[in-house]
Amino acid sequence: MTTTATFNRTAIMSHAWEIVRRANVELYGLRTILRRALRAAWSEAKHKLAIGQVEQQAKAQSPEVARTREAIAALEGKDRWTQADYARIGVLRAALRAAEDHEAAAPDYAEKRDLIASAGGRFCAVTFTKADGTERTMQVQPATLQHHLKGDDATDAGKRAKQTRKARHPHLLPVRDAKARAPRFVNLATISRIAVDGVVHEYRA
């Protein structure tokens, strides 16, 4: 995500003059002090902007990205590593790359979810690549899934498991396979084609 830096020049100039007034210098040294004051005011403004951007990026992170980065930082902060630590850091870094890729594709996920949900009780054909690398086209009826979910009747453990799964795997969309007549998951990240209401939508998986 690219952020364009913007500065309030009036505020910076006012801040510079405040620095000059605090310095309480004679008129002949005003130009030198003002130049230094402007440099200090600009430096402070850039520092505040940098802090704001870091905070904004941190807020925008998905829980999975934040947790994985924290785990990596904790591991890298250890004085000594075991063989298991060396193996774990590789797994964590791979998981972080995958989580960041999913985070970057989040807007695309929302579009695909909305498009599939728009079918309602009608059939929708979704083509995606499975974990084993094979391509599959599944006929789904989004509205029928709700009739087979426990919802408020689910146990607390079941509800927590659902929330955890949703947070950790935002790319997995629960659907009901019309042919198998059973709940399934569609990988939003690998969807290449959605056909709904006679219109075909293609994506680069």
Protein backbone atom coordinates (compact mmCIF):
# COMPACT_ATOMS: atom_id res chain seq x y z
CA MET A 1 0.00 0.00 0.00
CA THR A 2 1.51 3.32 -1.08
CA THR A 3 0.81 6.42 0.99
CA THR A 4 1.42 9.94 -0.38
CA ALA A 5 3.13 12.13 2.19
CA THR A 6 1.35 15.43 2.88
CA PHE A 7 2.57 18.23 5.11
CA ASN A 8 0.87 21.28 6.62
CA ARG A 9 3.35 23.95 5.52
CA THR A 10 1.60 26.68 7.52
CA ALA A 11 1.89 24.64 10.69
CA ILE A 12 5.56 23.91 10.00
CA MET A 13 6.33 27.60 9.46
CA SER A 14 4.46 28.52 12.65
CA HIS A 15 6.39 25.87 14.53
CA ALA A 16 9.67 27.24 13.15
CA TRP A 17 8.81 30.76 14.35
CA GLU A 18 7.95 29.35 17.75
CA ILE A 19 11.42 27.81 17.89
CA VAL A 20 12.91 31.20 16.97
CA ARG A 21 10.92 32.97 19.68
CA ARG A 22 12.04 30.43 22.27
CA ALA A 23 15.66 31.02 21.20
CA ASN A 24 15.28 34.77 21.99
CA VAL A 25 18.04 35.87 19.58
CA GLU A 26 19.07 39.28 18.33
CA LEU A 27 17.89 40.44 14.91
CA TYR A 28 21.29 39.95 13.23
CA GLY A 29 21.17 36.22 14.02
CA LEU A 30 17.56 35.80 12.99
CA ARG A 31 18.23 34.41 9.50
CA THR A 32 20.56 31.70 10.75
CA ILE A 33 18.25 30.71 13.59
CA LEU A 34 15.21 30.69 11.31
CA ARG A 35 16.98 28.40 8.84
CA ARG A 36 17.87 26.02 11.65
CA ALA A 37 14.38 26.28 13.08
CA LEU A 38 12.81 25.42 9.73
CA ARG A 39 15.11 22.43 9.40
CA ALA A 40 14.11 21.25 12.88
CA ALA A 41 10.39 21.83 12.20
CA TRP A 42 10.53 19.86 8.92
CA SER A 43 12.44 17.05 10.62
CA GLU A 44 9.83 16.83 13.38
CA ALA A 45 6.95 16.89 10.85
CA LYS A 46 8.53 14.04 8.84
CA HIS A 47 9.09 12.06 12.02
CA LYS A 48 5.45 12.42 13.05
CA LEU A 49 4.30 11.43 9.56
CA ALA A 50 6.52 8.34 9.62
CA ILE A 51 5.11 7.30 13.00
CA GLY A 52 1.56 7.83 11.73
CA GLN A 53 2.23 5.67 8.66
CA VAL A 54 3.66 2.87 10.79
CA GLU A 55 0.62 2.98 13.08
CA GLN A 56 -1.74 3.00 10.09
CA GLN A 57 -0.01 -0.02 8.56
CA ALA A 58 -0.15 -1.84 11.89
CA LYS A 59 -3.91 -1.23 12.17
CA ALA A 60 -4.40 -2.43 8.59
CA GLN A 61 -2.67 -5.75 9.24
CA SER A 62 -4.79 -8.85 9.48
CA PRO A 63 -4.66 -10.69 12.83
CA GLU A 64 -2.81 -13.57 11.17
CA VAL A 65 -0.08 -11.29 9.77
CA ALA A 66 0.32 -9.53 13.14
CA ARG A 67 0.53 -12.79 15.08
CA THR A 68 3.05 -14.30 12.67
CA ARG A 69 5.26 -11.21 12.76
CA GLU A 70 5.18 -11.21 16.56
CA ALA A 71 6.16 -14.89 16.62
CA ILE A 72 9.06 -14.23 14.24
CA ALA A 73 10.24 -11.23 16.29
CA ALA A 74 10.11 -13.28 19.50
CA LEU A 75 12.11 -16.08 17.91
CA GLU A 76 14.68 -13.72 16.40
CA GLY A 77 15.13 -12.12 19.83
CA LYS A 78 16.35 -15.34 21.42
CA ASP A 79 20.03 -15.51 22.41
CA ARG A 80 20.41 -19.12 21.36
CA TRP A 81 18.57 -21.16 18.80
CA THR A 82 17.88 -24.87 18.91
CA GLN A 83 17.51 -27.05 15.84
CA ALA A 84 13.76 -26.78 16.28
CA ASP A 85 14.03 -22.97 16.22
CA TYR A 86 15.82 -23.04 12.88
CA ALA A 87 13.08 -25.25 11.46
CA ARG A 88 10.31 -23.10 12.96
CA ILE A 89 11.64 -19.78 11.61
CA GLY A 90 11.46 -21.17 8.09
CA VAL A 91 7.86 -22.24 8.61
CA LEU A 92 6.93 -18.88 10.15
CA ARG A 93 8.50 -16.88 7.34
CA ALA A 94 6.70 -18.97 4.73
CA ALA A 95 3.45 -18.49 6.66
CA LEU A 96 4.04 -14.74 6.80
CA ARG A 97 4.53 -14.53 3.02
CA ALA A 98 1.34 -16.50 2.48
CA ALA A 99 -0.60 -14.33 4.96
CA GLU A 100 0.67 -11.12 3.34
CA ASP A 101 -0.32 -12.43 -0.10
CA HIS A 102 -3.81 -13.19 1.21
CA GLU A 103 -4.00 -9.75 2.85
CA ALA A 104 -3.02 -8.05 -0.41
CA ALA A 105 -5.77 -9.95 -2.20
CA ALA A 106 -8.43 -9.14 0.41
CA PRO A 107 -10.36 -6.67 -1.81
CA ASP A 108 -10.50 -9.37 -4.48
CA TYR A 109 -11.84 -11.84 -1.92
CA ALA A 110 -14.68 -9.47 -1.01
CA GLU A 111 -15.66 -9.09 -4.67
CA LYS A 112 -15.74 -12.86 -5.18
CA ARG A 113 -17.73 -13.43 -1.99
CA ASP A 114 -20.31 -10.83 -3.00
CA LEU A 115 -20.58 -12.23 -6.51
CA ILE A 116 -21.19 -15.79 -5.29
CA ALA A 117 -23.64 -14.60 -2.63
CA SER A 118 -25.60 -12.70 -5.30
CA ALA A 119 -26.78 -16.02 -6.71
CA GLY A 120 -28.94 -16.52 -3.64
CA GLY A 121 -31.01 -19.67 -4.12
CA ARG A 122 -29.94 -20.02 -7.76
CA PHE A 123 -27.04 -22.15 -8.97
CA CYS A 124 -23.60 -20.63 -9.33
CA ALA A 125 -20.63 -22.37 -10.96
CA VAL A 126 -17.28 -21.71 -9.30
CA THR A 127 -14.01 -22.92 -10.83
CA PHE A 128 -10.98 -22.98 -8.53
CA THR A 129 -7.72 -24.87 -7.95
CA LYS A 130 -7.68 -27.33 -5.07
CA ALA A 131 -4.80 -27.79 -2.61
CA ASP A 132 -3.52 -30.77 -4.61
CA GLY A 133 -3.20 -28.59 -7.72
CA THR A 134 -6.20 -29.97 -9.60
CA GLU A 135 -8.88 -27.70 -11.01
CA ARG A 136 -12.48 -28.17 -9.98
CA THR A 137 -15.80 -26.60 -10.93
CA MET A 138 -18.38 -26.72 -8.17
CA GLN A 139 -22.09 -25.98 -8.46
CA VAL A 140 -23.22 -24.10 -5.37
CA GLN A 141 -26.41 -22.56 -4.04
CA PRO A 142 -25.30 -19.89 -1.54
CA ALA A 143 -28.66 -19.43 0.18
CA THR A 144 -29.09 -23.15 0.93
CA LEU A 145 -25.96 -23.20 3.09
CA GLN A 146 -27.73 -21.24 5.84
CA HIS A 147 -30.28 -24.02 6.25
CA HIS A 148 -27.50 -26.47 7.13
CA LEU A 149 -25.60 -24.32 9.62
CA LYS A 150 -26.31 -24.40 13.35
CA GLY A 151 -25.93 -20.65 13.83
CA ASP A 152 -27.20 -19.67 17.31
CA ASP A 153 -27.73 -23.34 18.12
CA ALA A 154 -24.02 -24.09 17.78
CA THR A 155 -21.97 -24.73 20.93
CA ASP A 156 -19.66 -22.02 22.25
CA ALA A 157 -16.69 -24.13 21.21
CA GLY A 158 -18.14 -24.44 17.72
CA LYS A 159 -18.67 -20.69 17.46
CA ARG A 160 -15.11 -20.00 18.62
CA ALA A 161 -13.76 -22.52 16.12
CA LYS A 162 -15.68 -20.79 13.33
CA GLN A 163 -14.32 -17.36 14.31
CA THR A 164 -10.76 -18.70 14.53
CA ARG A 165 -11.02 -20.39 11.15
CA LYS A 166 -12.38 -17.21 9.57
CA ALA A 167 -9.55 -15.09 11.04
CA ARG A 168 -6.77 -17.51 10.12
CA HIS A 169 -8.10 -18.54 6.72
CA PRO A 170 -9.89 -15.52 5.19
CA HIS A 171 -9.40 -17.06 1.72
CA LEU A 172 -11.66 -20.03 2.49
CA LEU A 173 -15.35 -19.49 1.70
CA PRO A 174 -17.86 -22.01 3.10
CA VAL A 175 -20.40 -23.12 0.47
CA ARG A 176 -22.79 -26.02 -0.07
CA ASP A 177 -21.83 -28.34 -2.91
CA ALA A 178 -25.12 -28.94 -4.78
CA LYS A 179 -23.87 -32.21 -6.31
CA ALA A 180 -22.39 -33.72 -3.14
CA ARG A 181 -25.15 -32.16 -0.99
CA ALA A 182 -22.58 -31.34 1.65
CA PRO A 183 -20.75 -28.27 3.00
CA ARG A 184 -17.44 -27.55 1.32
CA PHE A 185 -14.83 -24.77 1.19
CA VAL A 186 -13.85 -22.78 -1.90
CA ASN A 187 -10.38 -21.21 -2.03
CA LEU A 188 -11.02 -17.59 -2.99
CA ALA A 189 -7.33 -17.11 -3.80
CA THR A 190 -7.39 -19.70 -6.58
CA ILE A 191 -10.79 -18.96 -8.17
CA SER A 192 -10.38 -18.54 -11.92
CA ARG A 193 -14.02 -18.40 -13.01
CA ILE A 194 -17.45 -17.61 -11.56
CA ALA A 195 -20.58 -18.10 -13.66
CA VAL A 196 -23.74 -16.57 -12.21
CA ASP A 197 -26.99 -15.39 -13.83
CA GLY A 198 -25.66 -16.30 -17.27
CA VAL A 199 -22.60 -14.05 -16.92
CA VAL A 200 -19.07 -15.44 -16.68
CA HIS A 201 -16.49 -13.60 -14.57
CA GLU A 202 -12.88 -14.66 -15.04
CA TYR A 203 -9.94 -14.05 -12.69
CA ARG A 204 -6.23 -14.60 -12.71
CA ALA A 205 -5.78 -17.17 -9.95
